[in-house]
Amino acid sequence: MKKIITTILGLSAVSMLMISVASAKTTLRLSNWIPPKHPIAADMIFPWAEKVEKASNGRIKVNILKKALGKPPAAYDLAKDGIADISWGVHGYTPGRFVVTQLVELPFLGDDAEALSVAYWRIHQKYLAAANEHSGVKLLGLMTHGPGHIYNSKRAINMPADLEGLKIRVGGGVVSDVGKALNIVTMLKPATKSYEILSRGVADGIFFPKESIRSFKLSKVLKYATYIPGGLYNTSFFLVMSEKAWNKLSAQDQQAIMSVSGEEFAKLAGKGWNKADRAGVAAMQAAGMSLQTASSAMMADLRKKLSDIEAKVVARAKAKGIDGSAALKMLRAEAASY
């Protein structure tokens, strides 16, 4: 009888342990530096976190922190150093650190953020990953925002020459090369500083996607918009995870995360950017801003002035051992056929 009771108690303990393990959750802290209503948070990061929880059958919960664990330029290192489990940010906020990602930041790559983001992930997997620029972290996703355009508070921009001498906020990366080619005074500042520097007159204008004028309430401090078909530039973003946190996960949970990351995250993010760009245009119209699309003459002049940038970026990629020309060819083909 004593032996039977001991056996029953032993089985009960094992059962309780199995139930505990089955119901155990891994909580991953995600450092987010953008307001929760911004499209990156509302339409990309939060939905992705929900998809992770669903894909893992509830085993993984992504806790999106209400306050970032560091400033925007520190986003990558927050994950690399294990301060945050997951972080996202802008490659261009740390000049010189990321080189091959600049291929997706070039002018005139297209108007569809979803198509370009998906194409970006595909060329990363085939070409760019070999440069190992995301060392020290687990790369979960890449994306680009919608095409970048020209906004300012001083005058209508009808030709590139109208930009000369203006102080323009940029996000870093290729857009800094664009600013230099157009003889403007570039100011490298995080997006979150945009309203402050424009309202105080520190900057005269900004290069941004349509979405950001609404998200950062910039129609209050800007008067003129000139849309550039295909985009004056683009911006590259990353979603990364601490290697330490990643390695603690089971293979099953790693697979669950990646099933909604990579190309799936690119699709999700791109759709979110396209939706936000449409809302941005509506907000500018409602605010009474002067809106125009660049003329064929302006586009021809822009292409001429910016013609050297692609070769420079391709050369930078080559120095990293990457065939930038082949990667760009694939990027354009994948985006066009998406």
C-alpha atoms as a PDB file:
ATOM      1  CA  MET A   1       0.000   0.000   0.000  1.00  0.00           C
ATOM      2  CA  LYS A   2       2.817   2.347   0.941  1.00  0.00           C
ATOM      3  CA  LYS A   3       4.510   1.598  -2.380  1.00  0.00           C
ATOM      4  CA  ILE A   4       1.293   2.375  -4.280  1.00  0.00           C
ATOM      5  CA  ILE A   5       0.854   5.707  -2.504  1.00  0.00           C
ATOM      6  CA  THR A   6       4.487   6.615  -3.209  1.00  0.00           C
ATOM      7  CA  THR A   7       4.007   5.780  -6.883  1.00  0.00           C
ATOM      8  CA  ILE A   8       0.831   7.871  -7.089  1.00  0.00           C
ATOM      9  CA  LEU A   9       2.540  10.822  -5.422  1.00  0.00           C
ATOM     10  CA  GLY A  10       5.474  10.494  -7.781  1.00  0.00           C
ATOM     11  CA  LEU A  11       3.219  10.448 -10.839  1.00  0.00           C
ATOM     12  CA  SER A  12       1.318  13.452  -9.510  1.00  0.00           C
ATOM     13  CA  ALA A  13       4.547  15.403  -9.128  1.00  0.00           C
ATOM     14  CA  VAL A  14       5.595  14.563 -12.680  1.00  0.00           C
ATOM     15  CA  SER A  15       2.162  15.563 -13.979  1.00  0.00           C
ATOM     16  CA  MET A  16       2.327  18.888 -12.164  1.00  0.00           C
ATOM     17  CA  LEU A  17       5.798  19.520 -13.588  1.00  0.00           C
ATOM     18  CA  MET A  18       4.595  18.730 -17.102  1.00  0.00           C
ATOM     19  CA  ILE A  19       1.641  21.094 -16.704  1.00  0.00           C
ATOM     20  CA  SER A  20       3.975  23.795 -15.384  1.00  0.00           C
ATOM     21  CA  VAL A  21       6.389  23.405 -18.311  1.00  0.00           C
ATOM     22  CA  ALA A  22       3.564  23.317 -20.850  1.00  0.00           C
ATOM     23  CA  SER A  23       2.074  26.530 -19.481  1.00  0.00           C
ATOM     24  CA  ALA A  24       5.414  28.296 -18.969  1.00  0.00           C
ATOM     25  CA  LYS A  25       5.777  31.565 -20.853  1.00  0.00           C
ATOM     26  CA  THR A  26       8.842  33.343 -22.101  1.00  0.00           C
ATOM     27  CA  THR A  27       8.470  37.107 -21.884  1.00  0.00           C
ATOM     28  CA  LEU A  28      10.675  39.115 -24.233  1.00  0.00           C
ATOM     29  CA  ARG A  29      11.138  42.842 -23.586  1.00  0.00           C
ATOM     30  CA  LEU A  30      11.016  45.021 -26.701  1.00  0.00           C
ATOM     31  CA  SER A  31      12.473  48.531 -26.471  1.00  0.00           C
ATOM     32  CA  ASN A  32      10.298  50.945 -28.463  1.00  0.00           C
ATOM     33  CA  TRP A  33      11.165  54.640 -28.847  1.00  0.00           C
ATOM     34  CA  ILE A  34       8.173  55.767 -30.895  1.00  0.00           C
ATOM     35  CA  PRO A  35       4.718  56.781 -29.550  1.00  0.00           C
ATOM     36  CA  PRO A  36       2.252  53.841 -29.449  1.00  0.00           C
ATOM     37  CA  LYS A  37      -0.063  55.495 -31.985  1.00  0.00           C
ATOM     38  CA  HIS A  38       2.703  55.949 -34.561  1.00  0.00           C
ATOM     39  CA  PRO A  39       2.251  53.538 -37.502  1.00  0.00           C
ATOM     40  CA  ILE A  40       5.526  51.736 -36.741  1.00  0.00           C
ATOM     41  CA  ALA A  41       4.136  50.795 -33.346  1.00  0.00           C
ATOM     42  CA  ALA A  42       0.418  50.514 -34.117  1.00  0.00           C
ATOM     43  CA  ASP A  43       0.603  48.824 -37.530  1.00  0.00           C
ATOM     44  CA  MET A  44       3.922  46.966 -37.376  1.00  0.00           C
ATOM     45  CA  ILE A  45       5.477  46.254 -33.973  1.00  0.00           C
ATOM     46  CA  PHE A  46       2.317  45.575 -31.950  1.00  0.00           C
ATOM     47  CA  PRO A  47       0.721  43.348 -34.639  1.00  0.00           C
ATOM     48  CA  TRP A  48       4.010  41.474 -35.046  1.00  0.00           C
ATOM     49  CA  ALA A  49       4.156  40.853 -31.287  1.00  0.00           C
ATOM     50  CA  GLU A  50       0.628  39.445 -31.399  1.00  0.00           C
ATOM     51  CA  LYS A  51       1.605  37.176 -34.281  1.00  0.00           C
ATOM     52  CA  VAL A  52       4.577  35.868 -32.292  1.00  0.00           C
ATOM     53  CA  GLU A  53       2.338  34.988 -29.354  1.00  0.00           C
ATOM     54  CA  LYS A  54      -0.149  33.250 -31.633  1.00  0.00           C
ATOM     55  CA  ALA A  55       2.518  31.378 -33.613  1.00  0.00           C
ATOM     56  CA  SER A  56       4.041  30.087 -30.370  1.00  0.00           C
ATOM     57  CA  ASN A  57       0.638  29.024 -29.005  1.00  0.00           C
ATOM     58  CA  GLY A  58       1.055  31.510 -26.197  1.00  0.00           C
ATOM     59  CA  ARG A  59       4.479  30.311 -25.072  1.00  0.00           C
ATOM     60  CA  ILE A  60       6.109  33.626 -26.005  1.00  0.00           C
ATOM     61  CA  LYS A  61       4.876  37.042 -24.995  1.00  0.00           C
ATOM     62  CA  VAL A  62       6.511  40.189 -26.345  1.00  0.00           C
ATOM     63  CA  ASN A  63       6.305  42.960 -23.777  1.00  0.00           C
ATOM     64  CA  ILE A  64       6.560  46.271 -25.635  1.00  0.00           C
ATOM     65  CA  LEU A  65       7.984  48.689 -23.109  1.00  0.00           C
ATOM     66  CA  LYS A  66       6.255  52.023 -22.616  1.00  0.00           C
ATOM     67  CA  LYS A  67       9.616  53.753 -22.368  1.00  0.00           C
ATOM     68  CA  ALA A  68      12.670  53.022 -24.518  1.00  0.00           C
ATOM     69  CA  LEU A  69      15.771  51.687 -22.774  1.00  0.00           C
ATOM     70  CA  GLY A  70      17.967  54.070 -24.761  1.00  0.00           C
ATOM     71  CA  LYS A  71      17.963  56.820 -27.363  1.00  0.00           C
ATOM     72  CA  PRO A  72      17.128  55.943 -31.013  1.00  0.00           C
ATOM     73  CA  PRO A  73      20.774  55.753 -32.205  1.00  0.00           C
ATOM     74  CA  ALA A  74      21.460  53.195 -29.443  1.00  0.00           C
ATOM     75  CA  ALA A  75      18.689  50.830 -30.557  1.00  0.00           C
ATOM     76  CA  TYR A  76      20.960  48.229 -32.158  1.00  0.00           C
ATOM     77  CA  ASP A  77      23.318  48.037 -29.201  1.00  0.00           C
ATOM     78  CA  LEU A  78      20.427  47.651 -26.766  1.00  0.00           C
ATOM     79  CA  ALA A  79      19.841  44.215 -28.271  1.00  0.00           C
ATOM     80  CA  LYS A  80      23.502  43.438 -28.916  1.00  0.00           C
ATOM     81  CA  ASP A  81      24.425  44.148 -25.298  1.00  0.00           C
ATOM     82  CA  GLY A  82      21.386  42.315 -23.927  1.00  0.00           C
ATOM     83  CA  ILE A  83      19.867  45.418 -22.356  1.00  0.00           C
ATOM     84  CA  ALA A  84      16.696  44.708 -24.349  1.00  0.00           C
ATOM     85  CA  ASP A  85      15.622  41.334 -25.696  1.00  0.00           C
ATOM     86  CA  ILE A  86      14.306  42.908 -28.899  1.00  0.00           C
ATOM     87  CA  SER A  87      14.824  46.333 -30.428  1.00  0.00           C
ATOM     88  CA  TRP A  88      14.165  48.130 -33.692  1.00  0.00           C
ATOM     89  CA  GLY A  89      15.752  51.154 -35.271  1.00  0.00           C
ATOM     90  CA  VAL A  90      17.193  52.990 -38.249  1.00  0.00           C
ATOM     91  CA  HIS A  91      20.475  51.885 -39.819  1.00  0.00           C
ATOM     92  CA  GLY A  92      21.328  55.451 -40.815  1.00  0.00           C
ATOM     93  CA  TYR A  93      21.237  56.768 -37.244  1.00  0.00           C
ATOM     94  CA  THR A  94      24.762  55.394 -36.713  1.00  0.00           C
ATOM     95  CA  PRO A  95      26.748  56.715 -39.723  1.00  0.00           C
ATOM     96  CA  GLY A  96      29.470  54.426 -41.023  1.00  0.00           C
ATOM     97  CA  ARG A  97      28.325  51.350 -39.119  1.00  0.00           C
ATOM     98  CA  PHE A  98      26.044  49.861 -41.772  1.00  0.00           C
ATOM     99  CA  VAL A  99      27.137  50.029 -45.389  1.00  0.00           C
ATOM    100  CA  VAL A 100      25.421  47.422 -47.561  1.00  0.00           C
ATOM    101  CA  THR A 101      21.992  48.419 -46.211  1.00  0.00           C
ATOM    102  CA  GLN A 102      22.453  51.702 -48.097  1.00  0.00           C
ATOM    103  CA  LEU A 103      21.589  49.918 -51.345  1.00  0.00           C
ATOM    104  CA  VAL A 104      17.906  50.098 -50.433  1.00  0.00           C
ATOM    105  CA  GLU A 105      18.147  53.792 -49.536  1.00  0.00           C
ATOM    106  CA  LEU A 106      18.920  54.991 -53.066  1.00  0.00           C
ATOM    107  CA  PRO A 107      16.727  57.485 -54.944  1.00  0.00           C
ATOM    108  CA  PHE A 108      13.938  56.446 -57.307  1.00  0.00           C
ATOM    109  CA  LEU A 109      13.500  52.821 -56.140  1.00  0.00           C
ATOM    110  CA  GLY A 110       9.700  52.904 -56.138  1.00  0.00           C
ATOM    111  CA  ASP A 111       6.498  54.067 -54.497  1.00  0.00           C
ATOM    112  CA  ASP A 112       5.335  50.840 -52.798  1.00  0.00           C
ATOM    113  CA  ALA A 113       6.799  50.206 -49.341  1.00  0.00           C
ATOM    114  CA  GLU A 114       5.523  46.632 -49.219  1.00  0.00           C
ATOM    115  CA  ALA A 115       7.077  45.666 -52.548  1.00  0.00           C
ATOM    116  CA  LEU A 116      10.397  47.293 -51.665  1.00  0.00           C
ATOM    117  CA  SER A 117      10.516  45.859 -48.131  1.00  0.00           C
ATOM    118  CA  VAL A 118       9.903  42.314 -49.372  1.00  0.00           C
ATOM    119  CA  ALA A 119      12.471  42.762 -52.145  1.00  0.00           C
ATOM    120  CA  TYR A 120      14.890  44.092 -49.519  1.00  0.00           C
ATOM    121  CA  TRP A 121      14.581  40.986 -47.360  1.00  0.00           C
ATOM    122  CA  ARG A 122      15.101  38.755 -50.374  1.00  0.00           C
ATOM    123  CA  ILE A 123      18.300  40.488 -51.491  1.00  0.00           C
ATOM    124  CA  HIS A 124      19.534  40.482 -47.932  1.00  0.00           C
ATOM    125  CA  GLN A 125      19.168  36.725 -47.774  1.00  0.00           C
ATOM    126  CA  LYS A 126      20.854  36.201 -51.141  1.00  0.00           C
ATOM    127  CA  TYR A 127      23.542  38.896 -51.096  1.00  0.00           C
ATOM    128  CA  LEU A 128      23.771  41.254 -48.139  1.00  0.00           C
ATOM    129  CA  ALA A 129      23.875  38.762 -45.260  1.00  0.00           C
ATOM    130  CA  ALA A 130      27.389  37.749 -46.323  1.00  0.00           C
ATOM    131  CA  ALA A 131      28.679  41.150 -45.162  1.00  0.00           C
ATOM    132  CA  ASN A 132      27.730  40.144 -41.602  1.00  0.00           C
ATOM    133  CA  GLU A 133      26.777  43.689 -40.654  1.00  0.00           C
ATOM    134  CA  HIS A 134      24.209  42.446 -38.140  1.00  0.00           C
ATOM    135  CA  SER A 135      26.750  40.554 -36.081  1.00  0.00           C
ATOM    136  CA  GLY A 136      26.081  40.128 -32.380  1.00  0.00           C
ATOM    137  CA  VAL A 137      22.299  39.958 -32.767  1.00  0.00           C
ATOM    138  CA  LYS A 138      19.651  37.754 -34.336  1.00  0.00           C
ATOM    139  CA  LEU A 139      18.210  39.651 -37.293  1.00  0.00           C
ATOM    140  CA  LEU A 140      14.433  39.227 -37.272  1.00  0.00           C
ATOM    141  CA  GLY A 141      13.408  41.655 -39.980  1.00  0.00           C
ATOM    142  CA  LEU A 142      14.159  44.515 -42.334  1.00  0.00           C
ATOM    143  CA  MET A 143      11.902  47.127 -43.879  1.00  0.00           C
ATOM    144  CA  THR A 144      11.846  50.445 -45.678  1.00  0.00           C
ATOM    145  CA  HIS A 145       9.383  53.265 -45.232  1.00  0.00           C
ATOM    146  CA  GLY A 146       7.475  54.779 -48.134  1.00  0.00           C
ATOM    147  CA  PRO A 147       9.356  56.972 -50.615  1.00  0.00           C
ATOM    148  CA  GLY A 148      10.953  60.104 -49.181  1.00  0.00           C
ATOM    149  CA  HIS A 149       9.809  63.554 -50.318  1.00  0.00           C
ATOM    150  CA  ILE A 150      10.637  67.238 -49.788  1.00  0.00           C
ATOM    151  CA  TYR A 151       8.939  69.497 -47.222  1.00  0.00           C
ATOM    152  CA  ASN A 152       9.801  72.977 -46.001  1.00  0.00           C
ATOM    153  CA  SER A 153       8.428  76.147 -44.450  1.00  0.00           C
ATOM    154  CA  LYS A 154      10.122  78.713 -46.721  1.00  0.00           C
ATOM    155  CA  ARG A 155       9.149  78.304 -50.374  1.00  0.00           C
ATOM    156  CA  ALA A 156       7.781  76.034 -53.065  1.00  0.00           C
ATOM    157  CA  ILE A 157      10.443  73.708 -54.460  1.00  0.00           C
ATOM    158  CA  ASN A 158       9.985  73.690 -58.219  1.00  0.00           C
ATOM    159  CA  MET A 159      13.565  72.803 -59.153  1.00  0.00           C
ATOM    160  CA  PRO A 160      16.486  71.346 -57.180  1.00  0.00           C
ATOM    161  CA  ALA A 161      18.150  74.782 -57.137  1.00  0.00           C
ATOM    162  CA  ASP A 162      15.311  76.028 -54.907  1.00  0.00           C
ATOM    163  CA  LEU A 163      16.680  73.820 -52.128  1.00  0.00           C
ATOM    164  CA  GLU A 164      20.135  75.366 -52.041  1.00  0.00           C
ATOM    165  CA  GLY A 165      21.034  76.878 -48.696  1.00  0.00           C
ATOM    166  CA  LEU A 166      18.050  75.457 -46.818  1.00  0.00           C
ATOM    167  CA  LYS A 167      18.650  73.647 -43.529  1.00  0.00           C
ATOM    168  CA  ILE A 168      17.036  70.226 -43.921  1.00  0.00           C
ATOM    169  CA  ARG A 169      16.665  67.493 -41.307  1.00  0.00           C
ATOM    170  CA  VAL A 170      17.712  64.053 -42.599  1.00  0.00           C
ATOM    171  CA  GLY A 171      17.857  60.619 -41.032  1.00  0.00           C
ATOM    172  CA  GLY A 172      21.345  59.623 -42.147  1.00  0.00           C
ATOM    173  CA  GLY A 173      22.627  57.120 -44.677  1.00  0.00           C
ATOM    174  CA  VAL A 174      22.196  57.788 -48.389  1.00  0.00           C
ATOM    175  CA  VAL A 175      19.910  60.755 -47.766  1.00  0.00           C
ATOM    176  CA  SER A 176      22.969  62.593 -46.418  1.00  0.00           C
ATOM    177  CA  ASP A 177      24.654  62.004 -49.795  1.00  0.00           C
ATOM    178  CA  VAL A 178      21.507  63.317 -51.487  1.00  0.00           C
ATOM    179  CA  GLY A 179      21.610  66.471 -49.381  1.00  0.00           C
ATOM    180  CA  LYS A 180      25.249  67.080 -50.203  1.00  0.00           C
ATOM    181  CA  ALA A 181      24.600  66.648 -53.938  1.00  0.00           C
ATOM    182  CA  LEU A 182      21.771  69.201 -53.721  1.00  0.00           C
ATOM    183  CA  ASN A 183      23.868  71.778 -51.816  1.00  0.00           C
ATOM    184  CA  ILE A 184      21.671  71.865 -48.744  1.00  0.00           C
ATOM    185  CA  VAL A 185      22.696  72.080 -45.101  1.00  0.00           C
ATOM    186  CA  THR A 186      21.836  68.648 -43.694  1.00  0.00           C
ATOM    187  CA  MET A 187      20.973  68.120 -40.033  1.00  0.00           C
ATOM    188  CA  LEU A 188      21.200  64.525 -38.791  1.00  0.00           C
ATOM    189  CA  LYS A 189      18.512  64.159 -36.131  1.00  0.00           C
ATOM    190  CA  PRO A 190      16.182  61.330 -35.027  1.00  0.00           C
ATOM    191  CA  ALA A 191      12.616  61.583 -36.321  1.00  0.00           C
ATOM    192  CA  THR A 192      11.378  62.265 -32.793  1.00  0.00           C
ATOM    193  CA  LYS A 193      13.231  65.618 -32.794  1.00  0.00           C
ATOM    194  CA  SER A 194      11.559  66.820 -36.003  1.00  0.00           C
ATOM    195  CA  TYR A 195       8.789  68.980 -34.540  1.00  0.00           C
ATOM    196  CA  GLU A 196      11.160  70.613 -32.076  1.00  0.00           C
ATOM    197  CA  ILE A 197      13.784  71.697 -34.615  1.00  0.00           C
ATOM    198  CA  LEU A 198      11.202  72.836 -37.180  1.00  0.00           C
ATOM    199  CA  SER A 199       9.036  74.782 -34.724  1.00  0.00           C
ATOM    200  CA  ARG A 200      12.091  76.572 -33.320  1.00  0.00           C
ATOM    201  CA  GLY A 201      13.393  77.456 -36.777  1.00  0.00           C
ATOM    202  CA  VAL A 202      16.554  75.413 -36.297  1.00  0.00           C
ATOM    203  CA  ALA A 203      15.626  73.573 -39.500  1.00  0.00           C
ATOM    204  CA  ASP A 204      13.840  75.004 -42.547  1.00  0.00           C
ATOM    205  CA  GLY A 205      12.529  71.710 -43.819  1.00  0.00           C
ATOM    206  CA  ILE A 206      12.726  67.966 -43.798  1.00  0.00           C
ATOM    207  CA  PHE A 207      13.054  64.946 -46.062  1.00  0.00           C
ATOM    208  CA  PHE A 208      10.396  62.472 -44.936  1.00  0.00           C
ATOM    209  CA  PRO A 209       7.805  59.979 -46.202  1.00  0.00           C
ATOM    210  CA  LYS A 210       4.228  61.242 -46.406  1.00  0.00           C
ATOM    211  CA  GLU A 211       3.261  59.332 -43.267  1.00  0.00           C
ATOM    212  CA  SER A 212       5.598  61.241 -40.992  1.00  0.00           C
ATOM    213  CA  ILE A 213       4.032  64.647 -41.611  1.00  0.00           C
ATOM    214  CA  ARG A 214       0.869  63.378 -39.938  1.00  0.00           C
ATOM    215  CA  SER A 215       2.508  61.174 -37.303  1.00  0.00           C
ATOM    216  CA  PHE A 216       4.734  63.960 -35.981  1.00  0.00           C
ATOM    217  CA  LYS A 217       2.123  66.718 -36.510  1.00  0.00           C
ATOM    218  CA  LEU A 218       4.409  68.625 -38.856  1.00  0.00           C
ATOM    219  CA  SER A 219       1.665  70.221 -40.958  1.00  0.00           C
ATOM    220  CA  LYS A 220       1.604  72.848 -38.197  1.00  0.00           C
ATOM    221  CA  VAL A 221       5.172  73.912 -38.979  1.00  0.00           C
ATOM    222  CA  LEU A 222       5.506  73.141 -42.705  1.00  0.00           C
ATOM    223  CA  LYS A 223       3.889  74.879 -45.683  1.00  0.00           C
ATOM    224  CA  TYR A 224       5.203  73.260 -48.858  1.00  0.00           C
ATOM    225  CA  ALA A 225       5.442  69.679 -50.098  1.00  0.00           C
ATOM    226  CA  THR A 226       7.042  68.424 -53.304  1.00  0.00           C
ATOM    227  CA  TYR A 227       6.460  64.742 -54.012  1.00  0.00           C
ATOM    228  CA  ILE A 228       9.203  62.881 -55.867  1.00  0.00           C
ATOM    229  CA  PRO A 229       7.929  59.942 -57.981  1.00  0.00           C
ATOM    230  CA  GLY A 230       9.874  56.851 -56.942  1.00  0.00           C
ATOM    231  CA  GLY A 231      11.215  58.673 -53.901  1.00  0.00           C
ATOM    232  CA  LEU A 232      14.089  61.095 -53.364  1.00  0.00           C
ATOM    233  CA  TYR A 233      15.560  58.509 -50.982  1.00  0.00           C
ATOM    234  CA  ASN A 234      14.495  55.706 -48.684  1.00  0.00           C
ATOM    235  CA  THR A 235      15.286  54.604 -45.145  1.00  0.00           C
ATOM    236  CA  SER A 236      16.386  51.181 -43.942  1.00  0.00           C
ATOM    237  CA  PHE A 237      15.065  49.792 -40.639  1.00  0.00           C
ATOM    238  CA  PHE A 238      16.004  46.723 -38.596  1.00  0.00           C
ATOM    239  CA  LEU A 239      14.231  44.488 -36.075  1.00  0.00           C
ATOM    240  CA  VAL A 240      16.791  42.572 -34.006  1.00  0.00           C
ATOM    241  CA  MET A 241      16.959  40.278 -30.988  1.00  0.00           C
ATOM    242  CA  SER A 242      19.611  39.698 -28.368  1.00  0.00           C
ATOM    243  CA  GLU A 243      21.613  36.574 -29.215  1.00  0.00           C
ATOM    244  CA  LYS A 244      21.529  35.571 -25.558  1.00  0.00           C
ATOM    245  CA  ALA A 245      17.726  35.759 -25.463  1.00  0.00           C
ATOM    246  CA  TRP A 246      17.476  33.973 -28.828  1.00  0.00           C
ATOM    247  CA  ASN A 247      19.738  31.118 -27.750  1.00  0.00           C
ATOM    248  CA  LYS A 248      17.662  30.533 -24.629  1.00  0.00           C
ATOM    249  CA  LEU A 249      14.635  29.682 -26.769  1.00  0.00           C
ATOM    250  CA  SER A 250      13.806  26.170 -27.870  1.00  0.00           C
ATOM    251  CA  ALA A 251      14.158  25.332 -31.561  1.00  0.00           C
ATOM    252  CA  GLN A 252      10.370  25.175 -31.689  1.00  0.00           C
ATOM    253  CA  ASP A 253      10.005  28.699 -30.336  1.00  0.00           C
ATOM    254  CA  GLN A 254      12.748  30.042 -32.595  1.00  0.00           C
ATOM    255  CA  GLN A 255      10.897  28.590 -35.565  1.00  0.00           C
ATOM    256  CA  ALA A 256       7.639  30.118 -34.318  1.00  0.00           C
ATOM    257  CA  ILE A 257       9.203  33.592 -34.182  1.00  0.00           C
ATOM    258  CA  MET A 258      10.777  33.332 -37.623  1.00  0.00           C
ATOM    259  CA  SER A 259       7.516  32.080 -39.139  1.00  0.00           C
ATOM    260  CA  VAL A 260       6.102  35.595 -38.649  1.00  0.00           C
ATOM    261  CA  SER A 261       9.385  37.467 -39.137  1.00  0.00           C
ATOM    262  CA  GLY A 262      11.714  37.845 -42.115  1.00  0.00           C
ATOM    263  CA  GLU A 263       9.670  38.223 -45.292  1.00  0.00           C
ATOM    264  CA  GLU A 264       6.400  38.035 -43.344  1.00  0.00           C
ATOM    265  CA  PHE A 265       7.456  41.011 -41.231  1.00  0.00           C
ATOM    266  CA  ALA A 266       8.470  42.887 -44.398  1.00  0.00           C
ATOM    267  CA  LYS A 267       4.962  42.357 -45.803  1.00  0.00           C
ATOM    268  CA  LEU A 268       3.313  43.471 -42.572  1.00  0.00           C
ATOM    269  CA  ALA A 269       5.487  46.562 -42.251  1.00  0.00           C
ATOM    270  CA  GLY A 270       5.181  47.528 -45.906  1.00  0.00           C
ATOM    271  CA  LYS A 271       1.395  47.345 -45.781  1.00  0.00           C
ATOM    272  CA  GLY A 272       1.479  49.518 -42.670  1.00  0.00           C
ATOM    273  CA  TRP A 273       3.661  52.147 -44.349  1.00  0.00           C
ATOM    274  CA  ASN A 274       1.462  52.285 -47.459  1.00  0.00           C
ATOM    275  CA  LYS A 275      -1.644  52.785 -45.323  1.00  0.00           C
ATOM    276  CA  ALA A 276       0.094  55.459 -43.252  1.00  0.00           C
ATOM    277  CA  ASP A 277       1.295  57.319 -46.359  1.00  0.00           C
ATOM    278  CA  ARG A 278      -2.286  57.598 -47.614  1.00  0.00           C
ATOM    279  CA  ALA A 279      -3.344  58.993 -44.242  1.00  0.00           C
ATOM    280  CA  GLY A 280      -0.430  61.426 -44.384  1.00  0.00           C
ATOM    281  CA  VAL A 281      -1.596  62.910 -47.683  1.00  0.00           C
ATOM    282  CA  ALA A 282      -5.121  63.350 -46.318  1.00  0.00           C
ATOM    283  CA  ALA A 283      -3.744  65.152 -43.261  1.00  0.00           C
ATOM    284  CA  MET A 284      -1.659  67.530 -45.388  1.00  0.00           C
ATOM    285  CA  GLN A 285      -4.649  68.317 -47.574  1.00  0.00           C
ATOM    286  CA  ALA A 286      -6.812  68.987 -44.525  1.00  0.00           C
ATOM    287  CA  ALA A 287      -4.156  71.314 -43.106  1.00  0.00           C
ATOM    288  CA  GLY A 288      -4.077  73.373 -46.301  1.00  0.00           C
ATOM    289  CA  MET A 289      -0.444  72.712 -47.163  1.00  0.00           C
ATOM    290  CA  SER A 290       0.713  73.506 -50.693  1.00  0.00           C
ATOM    291  CA  LEU A 291       1.178  70.118 -52.379  1.00  0.00           C
ATOM    292  CA  GLN A 292       2.741  69.410 -55.751  1.00  0.00           C
ATOM    293  CA  THR A 293       4.427  66.593 -57.639  1.00  0.00           C
ATOM    294  CA  ALA A 294       7.840  67.228 -59.159  1.00  0.00           C
ATOM    295  CA  SER A 295       7.690  68.219 -62.830  1.00  0.00           C
ATOM    296  CA  SER A 296       9.461  66.245 -65.539  1.00  0.00           C
ATOM    297  CA  ALA A 297      12.045  69.049 -65.712  1.00  0.00           C
ATOM    298  CA  MET A 298      12.706  68.809 -61.980  1.00  0.00           C
ATOM    299  CA  MET A 299      12.974  65.017 -62.166  1.00  0.00           C
ATOM    300  CA  ALA A 300      15.468  65.220 -65.024  1.00  0.00           C
ATOM    301  CA  ASP A 301      17.584  67.681 -63.052  1.00  0.00           C
ATOM    302  CA  LEU A 302      17.394  65.533 -59.916  1.00  0.00           C
ATOM    303  CA  ARG A 303      18.490  62.425 -61.794  1.00  0.00           C
ATOM    304  CA  LYS A 304      21.438  64.362 -63.197  1.00  0.00           C
ATOM    305  CA  LYS A 305      22.521  65.795 -59.845  1.00  0.00           C
ATOM    306  CA  LEU A 306      22.126  62.473 -58.022  1.00  0.00           C
ATOM    307  CA  SER A 307      23.574  60.258 -60.748  1.00  0.00           C
ATOM    308  CA  ASP A 308      26.879  59.591 -58.956  1.00  0.00           C
ATOM    309  CA  ILE A 309      25.328  58.331 -55.717  1.00  0.00           C
ATOM    310  CA  GLU A 310      24.442  54.842 -56.926  1.00  0.00           C
ATOM    311  CA  ALA A 311      28.000  54.174 -58.099  1.00  0.00           C
ATOM    312  CA  LYS A 312      29.350  55.334 -54.730  1.00  0.00           C
ATOM    313  CA  VAL A 313      27.004  53.050 -52.798  1.00  0.00           C
ATOM    314  CA  VAL A 314      27.789  50.091 -55.058  1.00  0.00           C
ATOM    315  CA  ALA A 315      31.514  50.746 -54.515  1.00  0.00           C
ATOM    316  CA  ARG A 316      31.011  50.813 -50.742  1.00  0.00           C
ATOM    317  CA  ALA A 317      29.239  47.452 -50.960  1.00  0.00           C
ATOM    318  CA  LYS A 318      32.058  46.040 -53.088  1.00  0.00           C
ATOM    319  CA  ALA A 319      34.555  47.040 -50.418  1.00  0.00           C
ATOM    320  CA  LYS A 320      32.523  44.843 -48.064  1.00  0.00           C
ATOM    321  CA  GLY A 321      32.724  41.928 -50.486  1.00  0.00           C
ATOM    322  CA  ILE A 322      29.182  42.339 -51.811  1.00  0.00           C
ATOM    323  CA  ASP A 323      28.163  42.551 -55.478  1.00  0.00           C
ATOM    324  CA  GLY A 324      26.089  45.700 -55.122  1.00  0.00           C
ATOM    325  CA  SER A 325      25.193  45.867 -58.809  1.00  0.00           C
ATOM    326  CA  ALA A 326      23.713  42.367 -58.767  1.00  0.00           C
ATOM    327  CA  ALA A 327      21.885  43.050 -55.511  1.00  0.00           C
ATOM    328  CA  LEU A 328      20.398  46.271 -56.901  1.00  0.00           C
ATOM    329  CA  LYS A 329      19.339  44.540 -60.099  1.00  0.00           C
ATOM    330  CA  MET A 330      17.533  41.892 -58.068  1.00  0.00           C
ATOM    331  CA  LEU A 331      16.018  44.519 -55.737  1.00  0.00           C
ATOM    332  CA  ARG A 332      14.500  46.422 -58.636  1.00  0.00           C
ATOM    333  CA  ALA A 333      13.266  43.270 -60.375  1.00  0.00           C
ATOM    334  CA  GLU A 334      11.695  41.811 -57.224  1.00  0.00           C
ATOM    335  CA  ALA A 335       9.992  45.095 -56.308  1.00  0.00           C
ATOM    336  CA  ALA A 336       8.681  45.603 -59.847  1.00  0.00           C
ATOM    337  CA  SER A 337       7.219  42.099 -60.083  1.00  0.00           C
ATOM    338  CA  TYR A 338       5.750  41.991 -56.569  1.00  0.00           C
END
